[in-house]
């Protein structure tokens, strides 16, 4: 049987040549032959099953040393080893998430005096989700209730399924009777589940992914979860603050000092995500935070179909104008259309109202 070049083998195995070279170096997947002059690697098509198993194990985050052990086992024993590994990962993740939640709660409330007699505020909200001018489908999802505010932006193709799955997974937490600090741990676990579910639907021709940004409320506390470039803004006391940081390549370049914020905003790769649900072989890391709901606050959750085309100053003006969430949300959609509306537009405007 004819040997495959490293490039052809990588495509067939859904790996990268870089990964194959690494697996060769550690003795996990040596090539069938190596050109003595060029050093170029060639692989036997019969190695594909082994390579795909390695790829699947790497997608769940298994270390290379453990993968070597699993690959040497019979199928039944290998299945038990994978189950044991994942049970340990799940337990470790839950423990870390709980510790993180406690730490975040402590830091978020430092200096804030809360009275047990403070009445629980209510939320008045409005939701808008529009296709935009240049798109022939809508893969954004926006959702709001008294307990949950969420926006997700799916990639083109099967993105609508991914974004809907992400938001629907959070809806299951709306009626969970747990303290806000525990919600962070639950959000982290839910994000892991959605990430694996979305990634499992990927094929060579279709690799759906989605961003997700949400606020889940318990009493006076808001648990925030964020992945991607959908955003949360807070208008408090007339000042507008962005509470989330974009998980994009251009934002990383801004942090490294290689691009200015102005250059990043106009860069042709400004929508290239570094974190998204279903978008990588490793488990995704969500940003988590706990905030206190203050009467008079106004929150905006939106996809980049709004934030990428409407300036921060115009967002500030629209949010600061005296108007209910319904009229404000419509005003934001109108601003996006005035700017050309090249993408789907999703937004949630929510006011914190004293009980």
C-alpha atoms as a PDB file:
ATOM      1  CA  UNK A   1       0.000   0.000   0.000  1.00  0.00           C
ATOM      2  CA  UNK A   2       1.339   3.433  -0.935  1.00  0.00           C
ATOM      3  CA  UNK A   3       2.586   5.572   1.944  1.00  0.00           C
ATOM      4  CA  UNK A   4       1.061   8.973   2.655  1.00  0.00           C
ATOM      5  CA  UNK A   5       2.994  12.212   3.002  1.00  0.00           C
ATOM      6  CA  UNK A   6       2.814  13.884   6.406  1.00  0.00           C
ATOM      7  CA  UNK A   7       0.441  16.525   4.981  1.00  0.00           C
ATOM      8  CA  UNK A   8      -1.957  13.988   3.471  1.00  0.00           C
ATOM      9  CA  UNK A   9      -1.839  11.837   6.592  1.00  0.00           C
ATOM     10  CA  UNK A  10      -2.481  14.869   8.823  1.00  0.00           C
ATOM     11  CA  UNK A  11      -5.592  15.785   6.837  1.00  0.00           C
ATOM     12  CA  UNK A  12      -6.908  12.227   6.925  1.00  0.00           C
ATOM     13  CA  UNK A  13      -6.277  11.923  10.665  1.00  0.00           C
ATOM     14  CA  UNK A  14      -7.665  15.413  11.466  1.00  0.00           C
ATOM     15  CA  UNK A  15      -4.336  16.342  13.013  1.00  0.00           C
ATOM     16  CA  UNK A  16      -1.699  18.896  12.102  1.00  0.00           C
ATOM     17  CA  UNK A  17       1.787  18.134  10.802  1.00  0.00           C
ATOM     18  CA  UNK A  18       3.114  19.887  13.913  1.00  0.00           C
ATOM     19  CA  UNK A  19       1.176  17.465  16.129  1.00  0.00           C
ATOM     20  CA  UNK A  20       2.447  14.482  14.133  1.00  0.00           C
ATOM     21  CA  UNK A  21       6.036  15.632  14.530  1.00  0.00           C
ATOM     22  CA  UNK A  22       5.485  15.944  18.283  1.00  0.00           C
ATOM     23  CA  UNK A  23       3.963  12.465  18.504  1.00  0.00           C
ATOM     24  CA  UNK A  24       6.954  11.101  16.590  1.00  0.00           C
ATOM     25  CA  UNK A  25       9.417  12.806  18.931  1.00  0.00           C
ATOM     26  CA  UNK A  26       7.798  11.294  22.024  1.00  0.00           C
ATOM     27  CA  UNK A  27       7.499   7.851  20.420  1.00  0.00           C
ATOM     28  CA  UNK A  28       3.702   7.888  20.387  1.00  0.00           C
ATOM     29  CA  UNK A  29       3.187   7.748  16.613  1.00  0.00           C
ATOM     30  CA  UNK A  30       6.423   7.171  14.650  1.00  0.00           C
ATOM     31  CA  UNK A  31       6.147   7.384  10.860  1.00  0.00           C
ATOM     32  CA  UNK A  32       6.329   4.260   8.725  1.00  0.00           C
ATOM     33  CA  UNK A  33       9.333   5.644   6.856  1.00  0.00           C
ATOM     34  CA  UNK A  34      11.641   8.663   6.882  1.00  0.00           C
ATOM     35  CA  UNK A  35      13.522   9.938   3.843  1.00  0.00           C
ATOM     36  CA  UNK A  36      17.218   9.600   4.773  1.00  0.00           C
ATOM     37  CA  UNK A  37      18.211  12.766   2.913  1.00  0.00           C
ATOM     38  CA  UNK A  38      15.340  15.188   3.509  1.00  0.00           C
ATOM     39  CA  UNK A  39      14.094  13.750   6.795  1.00  0.00           C
ATOM     40  CA  UNK A  40      10.554  13.907   5.394  1.00  0.00           C
ATOM     41  CA  UNK A  41       8.087  11.620   7.181  1.00  0.00           C
ATOM     42  CA  UNK A  42       5.765   9.137   5.472  1.00  0.00           C
ATOM     43  CA  UNK A  43       2.889   7.228   7.068  1.00  0.00           C
ATOM     44  CA  UNK A  44       1.076   3.989   6.375  1.00  0.00           C
ATOM     45  CA  UNK A  45      -2.728   4.387   5.871  1.00  0.00           C
ATOM     46  CA  UNK A  46      -3.149   1.571   8.418  1.00  0.00           C
ATOM     47  CA  UNK A  47      -1.833   4.009  11.066  1.00  0.00           C
ATOM     48  CA  UNK A  48      -4.903   6.217  10.651  1.00  0.00           C
ATOM     49  CA  UNK A  49      -7.015   4.440  13.279  1.00  0.00           C
ATOM     50  CA  UNK A  50      -4.220   4.856  15.839  1.00  0.00           C
ATOM     51  CA  UNK A  51      -3.757   8.523  14.887  1.00  0.00           C
ATOM     52  CA  UNK A  52      -7.480   9.256  15.162  1.00  0.00           C
ATOM     53  CA  UNK A  53      -7.607   7.646  18.600  1.00  0.00           C
ATOM     54  CA  UNK A  54      -4.747   9.898  19.716  1.00  0.00           C
ATOM     55  CA  UNK A  55      -6.568  12.923  18.288  1.00  0.00           C
ATOM     56  CA  UNK A  56      -9.750  12.027  20.180  1.00  0.00           C
ATOM     57  CA  UNK A  57      -7.860  11.562  23.438  1.00  0.00           C
ATOM     58  CA  UNK A  58      -6.085  14.881  22.990  1.00  0.00           C
ATOM     59  CA  UNK A  59      -9.436  16.604  22.421  1.00  0.00           C
ATOM     60  CA  UNK A  60     -10.517  15.619  25.932  1.00  0.00           C
ATOM     61  CA  UNK A  61      -7.259  16.977  27.303  1.00  0.00           C
ATOM     62  CA  UNK A  62      -5.537  13.674  28.146  1.00  0.00           C
ATOM     63  CA  UNK A  63      -1.761  14.046  28.697  1.00  0.00           C
ATOM     64  CA  UNK A  64       0.548  12.330  26.233  1.00  0.00           C
ATOM     65  CA  UNK A  65       1.884   9.940  28.885  1.00  0.00           C
ATOM     66  CA  UNK A  66      -1.637   8.721  29.661  1.00  0.00           C
ATOM     67  CA  UNK A  67      -2.439   8.432  25.951  1.00  0.00           C
ATOM     68  CA  UNK A  68       0.536   6.121  25.502  1.00  0.00           C
ATOM     69  CA  UNK A  69      -0.861   3.845  28.226  1.00  0.00           C
ATOM     70  CA  UNK A  70      -4.403   3.858  26.800  1.00  0.00           C
ATOM     71  CA  UNK A  71      -3.181   3.074  23.276  1.00  0.00           C
ATOM     72  CA  UNK A  72      -1.422  -0.057  24.561  1.00  0.00           C
ATOM     73  CA  UNK A  73      -4.621  -1.425  26.138  1.00  0.00           C
ATOM     74  CA  UNK A  74      -7.284  -3.695  24.711  1.00  0.00           C
ATOM     75  CA  UNK A  75     -10.504  -1.829  23.737  1.00  0.00           C
ATOM     76  CA  UNK A  76     -12.481  -2.709  26.897  1.00  0.00           C
ATOM     77  CA  UNK A  77      -9.604  -1.788  29.194  1.00  0.00           C
ATOM     78  CA  UNK A  78      -8.964   1.387  27.198  1.00  0.00           C
ATOM     79  CA  UNK A  79     -12.614   2.402  27.599  1.00  0.00           C
ATOM     80  CA  UNK A  80     -12.385   1.910  31.364  1.00  0.00           C
ATOM     81  CA  UNK A  81      -9.162   3.931  31.488  1.00  0.00           C
ATOM     82  CA  UNK A  82     -10.783   6.819  29.585  1.00  0.00           C
ATOM     83  CA  UNK A  83     -13.816   6.696  31.892  1.00  0.00           C
ATOM     84  CA  UNK A  84     -11.578   6.778  34.975  1.00  0.00           C
ATOM     85  CA  UNK A  85      -9.586   9.671  33.537  1.00  0.00           C
ATOM     86  CA  UNK A  86     -12.677  11.733  32.762  1.00  0.00           C
ATOM     87  CA  UNK A  87     -14.227  11.096  36.171  1.00  0.00           C
ATOM     88  CA  UNK A  88     -11.035  12.439  37.747  1.00  0.00           C
ATOM     89  CA  UNK A  89     -11.043  15.489  35.436  1.00  0.00           C
ATOM     90  CA  UNK A  90     -14.668  16.184  36.311  1.00  0.00           C
ATOM     91  CA  UNK A  91     -13.986  15.937  40.029  1.00  0.00           C
ATOM     92  CA  UNK A  92     -10.893  18.157  39.781  1.00  0.00           C
ATOM     93  CA  UNK A  93     -12.763  20.722  37.678  1.00  0.00           C
ATOM     94  CA  UNK A  94     -15.666  20.886  40.109  1.00  0.00           C
ATOM     95  CA  UNK A  95     -13.276  21.351  43.020  1.00  0.00           C
ATOM     96  CA  UNK A  96     -11.307  24.094  41.278  1.00  0.00           C
ATOM     97  CA  UNK A  97     -14.481  25.814  40.106  1.00  0.00           C
ATOM     98  CA  UNK A  98     -15.814  25.829  43.667  1.00  0.00           C
ATOM     99  CA  UNK A  99     -12.594  27.355  45.003  1.00  0.00           C
ATOM    100  CA  UNK A 100     -12.604  29.922  42.190  1.00  0.00           C
ATOM    101  CA  UNK A 101     -16.222  30.783  42.909  1.00  0.00           C
ATOM    102  CA  UNK A 102     -15.463  31.388  46.587  1.00  0.00           C
ATOM    103  CA  UNK A 103     -12.444  33.524  45.736  1.00  0.00           C
ATOM    104  CA  UNK A 104     -14.322  35.536  43.130  1.00  0.00           C
ATOM    105  CA  UNK A 105     -17.186  36.076  45.547  1.00  0.00           C
ATOM    106  CA  UNK A 106     -14.775  37.357  48.184  1.00  0.00           C
ATOM    107  CA  UNK A 107     -12.985  39.705  45.791  1.00  0.00           C
ATOM    108  CA  UNK A 108     -16.152  40.915  44.079  1.00  0.00           C
ATOM    109  CA  UNK A 109     -17.805  41.853  47.360  1.00  0.00           C
ATOM    110  CA  UNK A 110     -14.717  43.263  49.069  1.00  0.00           C
ATOM    111  CA  UNK A 111     -15.605  46.673  50.395  1.00  0.00           C
ATOM    112  CA  UNK A 112     -19.303  46.201  49.659  1.00  0.00           C
ATOM    113  CA  UNK A 113     -21.629  46.049  52.640  1.00  0.00           C
ATOM    114  CA  UNK A 114     -24.719  44.000  51.990  1.00  0.00           C
ATOM    115  CA  UNK A 115     -27.690  43.957  54.310  1.00  0.00           C
ATOM    116  CA  UNK A 116     -29.716  40.808  54.686  1.00  0.00           C
ATOM    117  CA  UNK A 117     -32.782  43.014  54.759  1.00  0.00           C
ATOM    118  CA  UNK A 118     -32.076  44.575  51.347  1.00  0.00           C
ATOM    119  CA  UNK A 119     -35.030  43.847  49.061  1.00  0.00           C
ATOM    120  CA  UNK A 120     -34.334  41.745  46.003  1.00  0.00           C
ATOM    121  CA  UNK A 121     -34.362  43.934  42.878  1.00  0.00           C
ATOM    122  CA  UNK A 122     -36.241  43.061  39.735  1.00  0.00           C
ATOM    123  CA  UNK A 123     -35.061  43.270  36.130  1.00  0.00           C
ATOM    124  CA  UNK A 124     -36.845  45.045  33.309  1.00  0.00           C
ATOM    125  CA  UNK A 125     -35.465  43.874  29.966  1.00  0.00           C
ATOM    126  CA  UNK A 126     -35.821  43.888  26.199  1.00  0.00           C
ATOM    127  CA  UNK A 127     -34.398  41.525  23.568  1.00  0.00           C
ATOM    128  CA  UNK A 128     -33.587  42.148  19.920  1.00  0.00           C
ATOM    129  CA  UNK A 129     -32.069  39.731  17.415  1.00  0.00           C
ATOM    130  CA  UNK A 130     -31.849  40.798  13.780  1.00  0.00           C
ATOM    131  CA  UNK A 131     -30.376  39.196  10.660  1.00  0.00           C
ATOM    132  CA  UNK A 132     -28.608  42.317   9.390  1.00  0.00           C
ATOM    133  CA  UNK A 133     -28.202  43.425   5.786  1.00  0.00           C
ATOM    134  CA  UNK A 134     -25.398  41.251   4.434  1.00  0.00           C
ATOM    135  CA  UNK A 135     -26.271  37.874   5.996  1.00  0.00           C
ATOM    136  CA  UNK A 136     -28.766  35.384   4.574  1.00  0.00           C
ATOM    137  CA  UNK A 137     -29.330  33.644   7.934  1.00  0.00           C
ATOM    138  CA  UNK A 138     -29.284  34.516  11.628  1.00  0.00           C
ATOM    139  CA  UNK A 139     -26.934  32.550  13.859  1.00  0.00           C
ATOM    140  CA  UNK A 140     -27.100  34.893  16.849  1.00  0.00           C
ATOM    141  CA  UNK A 141     -29.308  34.095  19.845  1.00  0.00           C
ATOM    142  CA  UNK A 142     -30.481  36.550  22.504  1.00  0.00           C
ATOM    143  CA  UNK A 143     -32.526  35.605  25.559  1.00  0.00           C
ATOM    144  CA  UNK A 144     -33.745  37.362  28.691  1.00  0.00           C
ATOM    145  CA  UNK A 145     -35.811  36.561  31.756  1.00  0.00           C
ATOM    146  CA  UNK A 146     -35.887  37.815  35.323  1.00  0.00           C
ATOM    147  CA  UNK A 147     -33.124  35.314  36.151  1.00  0.00           C
ATOM    148  CA  UNK A 148     -31.029  35.018  32.983  1.00  0.00           C
ATOM    149  CA  UNK A 149     -29.659  37.381  30.338  1.00  0.00           C
ATOM    150  CA  UNK A 150     -27.702  35.744  27.498  1.00  0.00           C
ATOM    151  CA  UNK A 151     -26.285  36.381  24.034  1.00  0.00           C
ATOM    152  CA  UNK A 152     -24.526  33.842  21.805  1.00  0.00           C
ATOM    153  CA  UNK A 153     -23.015  34.324  18.350  1.00  0.00           C
ATOM    154  CA  UNK A 154     -22.615  31.177  16.242  1.00  0.00           C
ATOM    155  CA  UNK A 155     -20.179  30.758  13.394  1.00  0.00           C
ATOM    156  CA  UNK A 156     -21.483  30.575   9.858  1.00  0.00           C
ATOM    157  CA  UNK A 157     -22.781  27.166   8.805  1.00  0.00           C
ATOM    158  CA  UNK A 158     -24.182  25.269  11.778  1.00  0.00           C
ATOM    159  CA  UNK A 159     -23.617  28.183  14.142  1.00  0.00           C
ATOM    160  CA  UNK A 160     -27.319  28.621  14.827  1.00  0.00           C
ATOM    161  CA  UNK A 161     -27.471  25.148  16.324  1.00  0.00           C
ATOM    162  CA  UNK A 162     -24.388  25.811  18.446  1.00  0.00           C
ATOM    163  CA  UNK A 163     -25.564  29.192  19.756  1.00  0.00           C
ATOM    164  CA  UNK A 164     -29.042  27.845  20.568  1.00  0.00           C
ATOM    165  CA  UNK A 165     -27.542  24.865  22.395  1.00  0.00           C
ATOM    166  CA  UNK A 166     -25.357  27.153  24.484  1.00  0.00           C
ATOM    167  CA  UNK A 167     -28.211  29.403  25.597  1.00  0.00           C
ATOM    168  CA  UNK A 168     -30.608  26.502  26.161  1.00  0.00           C
ATOM    169  CA  UNK A 169     -28.069  24.849  28.452  1.00  0.00           C
ATOM    170  CA  UNK A 170     -28.052  27.951  30.654  1.00  0.00           C
ATOM    171  CA  UNK A 171     -31.843  28.075  30.760  1.00  0.00           C
ATOM    172  CA  UNK A 172     -31.729  24.846  32.754  1.00  0.00           C
ATOM    173  CA  UNK A 173     -30.025  26.814  35.553  1.00  0.00           C
ATOM    174  CA  UNK A 174     -32.714  29.497  35.817  1.00  0.00           C
ATOM    175  CA  UNK A 175     -34.723  27.691  38.475  1.00  0.00           C
ATOM    176  CA  UNK A 176     -31.788  26.141  40.316  1.00  0.00           C
ATOM    177  CA  UNK A 177     -32.165  26.939  43.994  1.00  0.00           C
ATOM    178  CA  UNK A 178     -28.485  27.481  44.823  1.00  0.00           C
ATOM    179  CA  UNK A 179     -26.542  30.461  46.217  1.00  0.00           C
ATOM    180  CA  UNK A 180     -24.962  32.765  43.652  1.00  0.00           C
ATOM    181  CA  UNK A 181     -21.450  31.685  44.597  1.00  0.00           C
ATOM    182  CA  UNK A 182     -22.323  28.070  43.739  1.00  0.00           C
ATOM    183  CA  UNK A 183     -23.739  29.163  40.400  1.00  0.00           C
ATOM    184  CA  UNK A 184     -20.230  29.970  39.176  1.00  0.00           C
ATOM    185  CA  UNK A 185     -19.189  26.359  39.662  1.00  0.00           C
ATOM    186  CA  UNK A 186     -22.376  25.181  37.948  1.00  0.00           C
ATOM    187  CA  UNK A 187     -21.779  27.569  35.058  1.00  0.00           C
ATOM    188  CA  UNK A 188     -18.230  26.246  34.635  1.00  0.00           C
ATOM    189  CA  UNK A 189     -19.480  22.658  34.500  1.00  0.00           C
ATOM    190  CA  UNK A 190     -22.285  23.568  32.082  1.00  0.00           C
ATOM    191  CA  UNK A 191     -19.831  25.334  29.780  1.00  0.00           C
ATOM    192  CA  UNK A 192     -17.652  22.203  29.687  1.00  0.00           C
ATOM    193  CA  UNK A 193     -20.683  20.086  28.749  1.00  0.00           C
ATOM    194  CA  UNK A 194     -21.769  22.448  25.959  1.00  0.00           C
ATOM    195  CA  UNK A 195     -18.221  22.742  24.627  1.00  0.00           C
ATOM    196  CA  UNK A 196     -17.909  18.965  24.306  1.00  0.00           C
ATOM    197  CA  UNK A 197     -21.379  18.648  22.776  1.00  0.00           C
ATOM    198  CA  UNK A 198     -20.718  21.316  20.134  1.00  0.00           C
ATOM    199  CA  UNK A 199     -17.279  19.931  19.332  1.00  0.00           C
ATOM    200  CA  UNK A 200     -18.686  16.437  18.921  1.00  0.00           C
ATOM    201  CA  UNK A 201     -20.863  17.635  16.026  1.00  0.00           C
ATOM    202  CA  UNK A 202     -17.884  18.868  13.991  1.00  0.00           C
ATOM    203  CA  UNK A 203     -16.875  17.257  10.694  1.00  0.00           C
ATOM    204  CA  UNK A 204     -14.173  17.938   8.119  1.00  0.00           C
ATOM    205  CA  UNK A 205     -16.539  20.239   6.249  1.00  0.00           C
ATOM    206  CA  UNK A 206     -18.406  21.779   9.151  1.00  0.00           C
ATOM    207  CA  UNK A 207     -16.967  22.840  12.498  1.00  0.00           C
ATOM    208  CA  UNK A 208     -19.645  24.797  14.388  1.00  0.00           C
ATOM    209  CA  UNK A 209     -18.675  27.082  17.237  1.00  0.00           C
ATOM    210  CA  UNK A 210     -20.280  29.837  19.259  1.00  0.00           C
ATOM    211  CA  UNK A 211     -19.508  32.598  21.687  1.00  0.00           C
ATOM    212  CA  UNK A 212     -21.531  32.911  24.887  1.00  0.00           C
ATOM    213  CA  UNK A 213     -21.937  35.764  27.339  1.00  0.00           C
ATOM    214  CA  UNK A 214     -24.530  35.659  30.106  1.00  0.00           C
ATOM    215  CA  UNK A 215     -25.618  36.961  33.500  1.00  0.00           C
ATOM    216  CA  UNK A 216     -27.433  34.565  35.837  1.00  0.00           C
ATOM    217  CA  UNK A 217     -29.140  36.228  38.807  1.00  0.00           C
ATOM    218  CA  UNK A 218     -29.725  35.025  42.348  1.00  0.00           C
ATOM    219  CA  UNK A 219     -31.173  37.692  44.616  1.00  0.00           C
ATOM    220  CA  UNK A 220     -28.847  40.697  44.488  1.00  0.00           C
ATOM    221  CA  UNK A 221     -25.996  38.742  42.905  1.00  0.00           C
ATOM    222  CA  UNK A 222     -25.196  38.304  39.215  1.00  0.00           C
ATOM    223  CA  UNK A 223     -22.984  35.419  38.068  1.00  0.00           C
ATOM    224  CA  UNK A 224     -21.251  36.363  34.809  1.00  0.00           C
ATOM    225  CA  UNK A 225     -19.895  33.847  32.298  1.00  0.00           C
ATOM    226  CA  UNK A 226     -18.087  34.906  29.129  1.00  0.00           C
ATOM    227  CA  UNK A 227     -16.442  33.210  26.139  1.00  0.00           C
ATOM    228  CA  UNK A 228     -15.613  34.903  22.833  1.00  0.00           C
ATOM    229  CA  UNK A 229     -16.296  38.423  21.619  1.00  0.00           C
ATOM    230  CA  UNK A 230     -19.887  38.942  22.666  1.00  0.00           C
ATOM    231  CA  UNK A 231     -19.845  41.629  25.349  1.00  0.00           C
ATOM    232  CA  UNK A 232     -21.399  42.942  28.546  1.00  0.00           C
ATOM    233  CA  UNK A 233     -21.506  46.690  29.200  1.00  0.00           C
ATOM    234  CA  UNK A 234     -22.625  48.343  32.431  1.00  0.00           C
ATOM    235  CA  UNK A 235     -24.011  51.871  32.627  1.00  0.00           C
ATOM    236  CA  UNK A 236     -23.772  53.027  36.251  1.00  0.00           C
ATOM    237  CA  UNK A 237     -23.947  56.614  37.442  1.00  0.00           C
ATOM    238  CA  UNK A 238     -23.716  57.869  33.877  1.00  0.00           C
ATOM    239  CA  UNK A 239     -20.431  56.024  33.214  1.00  0.00           C
ATOM    240  CA  UNK A 240     -20.187  53.158  30.726  1.00  0.00           C
ATOM    241  CA  UNK A 241     -17.854  50.241  31.488  1.00  0.00           C
ATOM    242  CA  UNK A 242     -17.121  47.126  29.445  1.00  0.00           C
ATOM    243  CA  UNK A 243     -17.197  44.186  31.855  1.00  0.00           C
ATOM    244  CA  UNK A 244     -15.856  41.546  29.469  1.00  0.00           C
ATOM    245  CA  UNK A 245     -12.672  41.218  27.473  1.00  0.00           C
ATOM    246  CA  UNK A 246     -12.799  39.952  23.901  1.00  0.00           C
ATOM    247  CA  UNK A 247     -11.198  36.567  23.343  1.00  0.00           C
ATOM    248  CA  UNK A 248      -9.847  37.502  19.917  1.00  0.00           C
ATOM    249  CA  UNK A 249      -6.478  37.472  18.192  1.00  0.00           C
ATOM    250  CA  UNK A 250      -6.443  41.255  17.811  1.00  0.00           C
ATOM    251  CA  UNK A 251      -7.165  41.753  21.517  1.00  0.00           C
ATOM    252  CA  UNK A 252      -4.180  39.544  22.351  1.00  0.00           C
ATOM    253  CA  UNK A 253      -2.049  41.717  20.065  1.00  0.00           C
ATOM    254  CA  UNK A 254      -3.272  44.820  21.885  1.00  0.00           C
ATOM    255  CA  UNK A 255      -2.260  43.241  25.192  1.00  0.00           C
ATOM    256  CA  UNK A 256       1.189  42.427  23.788  1.00  0.00           C
ATOM    257  CA  UNK A 257       1.538  46.021  22.605  1.00  0.00           C
ATOM    258  CA  UNK A 258       1.688  45.005  18.933  1.00  0.00           C
ATOM    259  CA  UNK A 259      -1.570  46.738  17.955  1.00  0.00           C
ATOM    260  CA  UNK A 260      -3.303  49.837  19.251  1.00  0.00           C
ATOM    261  CA  UNK A 261      -7.022  49.622  20.119  1.00  0.00           C
ATOM    262  CA  UNK A 262      -7.739  51.722  17.037  1.00  0.00           C
ATOM    263  CA  UNK A 263      -5.706  49.402  14.793  1.00  0.00           C
ATOM    264  CA  UNK A 264      -7.401  46.358  16.315  1.00  0.00           C
ATOM    265  CA  UNK A 265     -10.873  47.789  15.637  1.00  0.00           C
ATOM    266  CA  UNK A 266     -10.076  48.147  11.926  1.00  0.00           C
ATOM    267  CA  UNK A 267      -7.953  45.013  11.501  1.00  0.00           C
ATOM    268  CA  UNK A 268      -9.181  42.501   8.864  1.00  0.00           C
ATOM    269  CA  UNK A 269      -8.779  39.663  11.402  1.00  0.00           C
ATOM    270  CA  UNK A 270     -10.608  41.423  14.225  1.00  0.00           C
ATOM    271  CA  UNK A 271     -13.259  38.659  14.344  1.00  0.00           C
ATOM    272  CA  UNK A 272     -10.729  35.823  14.694  1.00  0.00           C
ATOM    273  CA  UNK A 273     -11.582  34.143  18.003  1.00  0.00           C
ATOM    274  CA  UNK A 274      -9.040  32.641  20.386  1.00  0.00           C
ATOM    275  CA  UNK A 275     -11.758  31.157  22.589  1.00  0.00           C
ATOM    276  CA  UNK A 276     -15.177  29.807  21.610  1.00  0.00           C
ATOM    277  CA  UNK A 277     -17.374  26.850  22.444  1.00  0.00           C
ATOM    278  CA  UNK A 278     -16.581  23.953  20.120  1.00  0.00           C
ATOM    279  CA  UNK A 279     -13.625  25.791  18.586  1.00  0.00           C
ATOM    280  CA  UNK A 280     -10.623  23.784  19.787  1.00  0.00           C
ATOM    281  CA  UNK A 281      -9.186  20.425  20.749  1.00  0.00           C
ATOM    282  CA  UNK A 282      -8.677  21.494  24.372  1.00  0.00           C
ATOM    283  CA  UNK A 283     -11.415  22.304  26.915  1.00  0.00           C
ATOM    284  CA  UNK A 284     -12.436  25.946  26.687  1.00  0.00           C
ATOM    285  CA  UNK A 285     -11.812  28.282  29.617  1.00  0.00           C
ATOM    286  CA  UNK A 286     -14.643  30.658  30.489  1.00  0.00           C
ATOM    287  CA  UNK A 287     -14.230  33.976  32.279  1.00  0.00           C
ATOM    288  CA  UNK A 288     -16.313  33.940  35.472  1.00  0.00           C
ATOM    289  CA  UNK A 289     -17.186  36.771  37.838  1.00  0.00           C
ATOM    290  CA  UNK A 290     -19.712  37.646  40.510  1.00  0.00           C
ATOM    291  CA  UNK A 291     -21.265  41.103  40.648  1.00  0.00           C
ATOM    292  CA  UNK A 292     -23.781  42.882  42.832  1.00  0.00           C
ATOM    293  CA  UNK A 293     -26.981  44.148  41.218  1.00  0.00           C
ATOM    294  CA  UNK A 294     -27.508  47.817  42.079  1.00  0.00           C
ATOM    295  CA  UNK A 295     -30.797  49.609  41.468  1.00  0.00           C
ATOM    296  CA  UNK A 296     -30.366  52.067  38.615  1.00  0.00           C
ATOM    297  CA  UNK A 297     -27.809  49.968  36.738  1.00  0.00           C
ATOM    298  CA  UNK A 298     -28.369  49.319  33.046  1.00  0.00           C
ATOM    299  CA  UNK A 299     -26.729  46.325  31.363  1.00  0.00           C
ATOM    300  CA  UNK A 300     -26.171  45.727  27.661  1.00  0.00           C
ATOM    301  CA  UNK A 301     -25.271  42.280  26.343  1.00  0.00           C
ATOM    302  CA  UNK A 302     -24.557  42.215  22.608  1.00  0.00           C
ATOM    303  CA  UNK A 303     -22.894  40.376  19.757  1.00  0.00           C
ATOM    304  CA  UNK A 304     -20.162  41.949  17.642  1.00  0.00           C
ATOM    305  CA  UNK A 305     -22.799  42.706  15.029  1.00  0.00           C
ATOM    306  CA  UNK A 306     -23.498  45.718  17.251  1.00  0.00           C
ATOM    307  CA  UNK A 307     -20.244  46.452  19.086  1.00  0.00           C
ATOM    308  CA  UNK A 308     -18.033  46.147  15.982  1.00  0.00           C
ATOM    309  CA  UNK A 309     -19.934  48.760  13.972  1.00  0.00           C
ATOM    310  CA  UNK A 310     -21.347  51.178  16.558  1.00  0.00           C
ATOM    311  CA  UNK A 311     -18.817  53.287  18.436  1.00  0.00           C
ATOM    312  CA  UNK A 312     -18.530  53.150  22.197  1.00  0.00           C
ATOM    313  CA  UNK A 313     -19.572  56.795  22.433  1.00  0.00           C
ATOM    314  CA  UNK A 314     -22.741  56.110  20.429  1.00  0.00           C
ATOM    315  CA  UNK A 315     -23.498  53.074  22.600  1.00  0.00           C
ATOM    316  CA  UNK A 316     -23.030  55.257  25.670  1.00  0.00           C
ATOM    317  CA  UNK A 317     -25.362  57.932  24.338  1.00  0.00           C
ATOM    318  CA  UNK A 318     -28.085  55.437  23.406  1.00  0.00           C
ATOM    319  CA  UNK A 319     -27.926  53.665  26.768  1.00  0.00           C
ATOM    320  CA  UNK A 320     -27.842  56.912  28.763  1.00  0.00           C
ATOM    321  CA  UNK A 321     -30.873  58.419  27.079  1.00  0.00           C
ATOM    322  CA  UNK A 322     -34.003  58.278  29.179  1.00  0.00           C
ATOM    323  CA  UNK A 323     -35.982  55.445  27.667  1.00  0.00           C
ATOM    324  CA  UNK A 324     -37.242  52.025  28.608  1.00  0.00           C
ATOM    325  CA  UNK A 325     -35.295  48.910  27.531  1.00  0.00           C
ATOM    326  CA  UNK A 326     -37.628  48.299  24.581  1.00  0.00           C
ATOM    327  CA  UNK A 327     -37.012  51.675  22.956  1.00  0.00           C
ATOM    328  CA  UNK A 328     -33.314  51.565  23.802  1.00  0.00           C
ATOM    329  CA  UNK A 329     -32.841  48.114  22.269  1.00  0.00           C
ATOM    330  CA  UNK A 330     -34.580  49.265  19.100  1.00  0.00           C
ATOM    331  CA  UNK A 331     -32.385  52.368  19.020  1.00  0.00           C
ATOM    332  CA  UNK A 332     -29.287  50.163  19.143  1.00  0.00           C
ATOM    333  CA  UNK A 333     -30.555  48.023  16.257  1.00  0.00           C
ATOM    334  CA  UNK A 334     -31.216  51.199  14.262  1.00  0.00           C
ATOM    335  CA  UNK A 335     -27.665  52.386  14.921  1.00  0.00           C
ATOM    336  CA  UNK A 336     -26.283  49.080  13.628  1.00  0.00           C
ATOM    337  CA  UNK A 337     -28.331  49.435  10.440  1.00  0.00           C
ATOM    338  CA  UNK A 338     -27.176  53.000   9.989  1.00  0.00           C
ATOM    339  CA  UNK A 339     -23.607  51.647  10.149  1.00  0.00           C
ATOM    340  CA  UNK A 340     -24.368  49.066   7.444  1.00  0.00           C
ATOM    341  CA  UNK A 341     -25.394  46.054   9.601  1.00  0.00           C
ATOM    342  CA  UNK A 342     -22.938  43.659   7.897  1.00  0.00           C
ATOM    343  CA  UNK A 343     -23.490  40.940  10.504  1.00  0.00           C
ATOM    344  CA  UNK A 344     -26.266  39.435  12.619  1.00  0.00           C
ATOM    345  CA  UNK A 345     -27.191  41.720  15.517  1.00  0.00           C
ATOM    346  CA  UNK A 346     -28.204  40.481  18.966  1.00  0.00           C
ATOM    347  CA  UNK A 347     -28.673  42.581  22.079  1.00  0.00           C
ATOM    348  CA  UNK A 348     -30.279  42.510  25.488  1.00  0.00           C
ATOM    349  CA  UNK A 349     -30.907  45.715  27.434  1.00  0.00           C
ATOM    350  CA  UNK A 350     -31.716  45.205  31.109  1.00  0.00           C
ATOM    351  CA  UNK A 351     -32.463  47.681  33.898  1.00  0.00           C
ATOM    352  CA  UNK A 352     -32.064  46.828  37.572  1.00  0.00           C
ATOM    353  CA  UNK A 353     -35.186  48.104  39.344  1.00  0.00           C
ATOM    354  CA  UNK A 354     -35.546  48.501  43.126  1.00  0.00           C
ATOM    355  CA  UNK A 355     -38.214  46.242  44.552  1.00  0.00           C
END
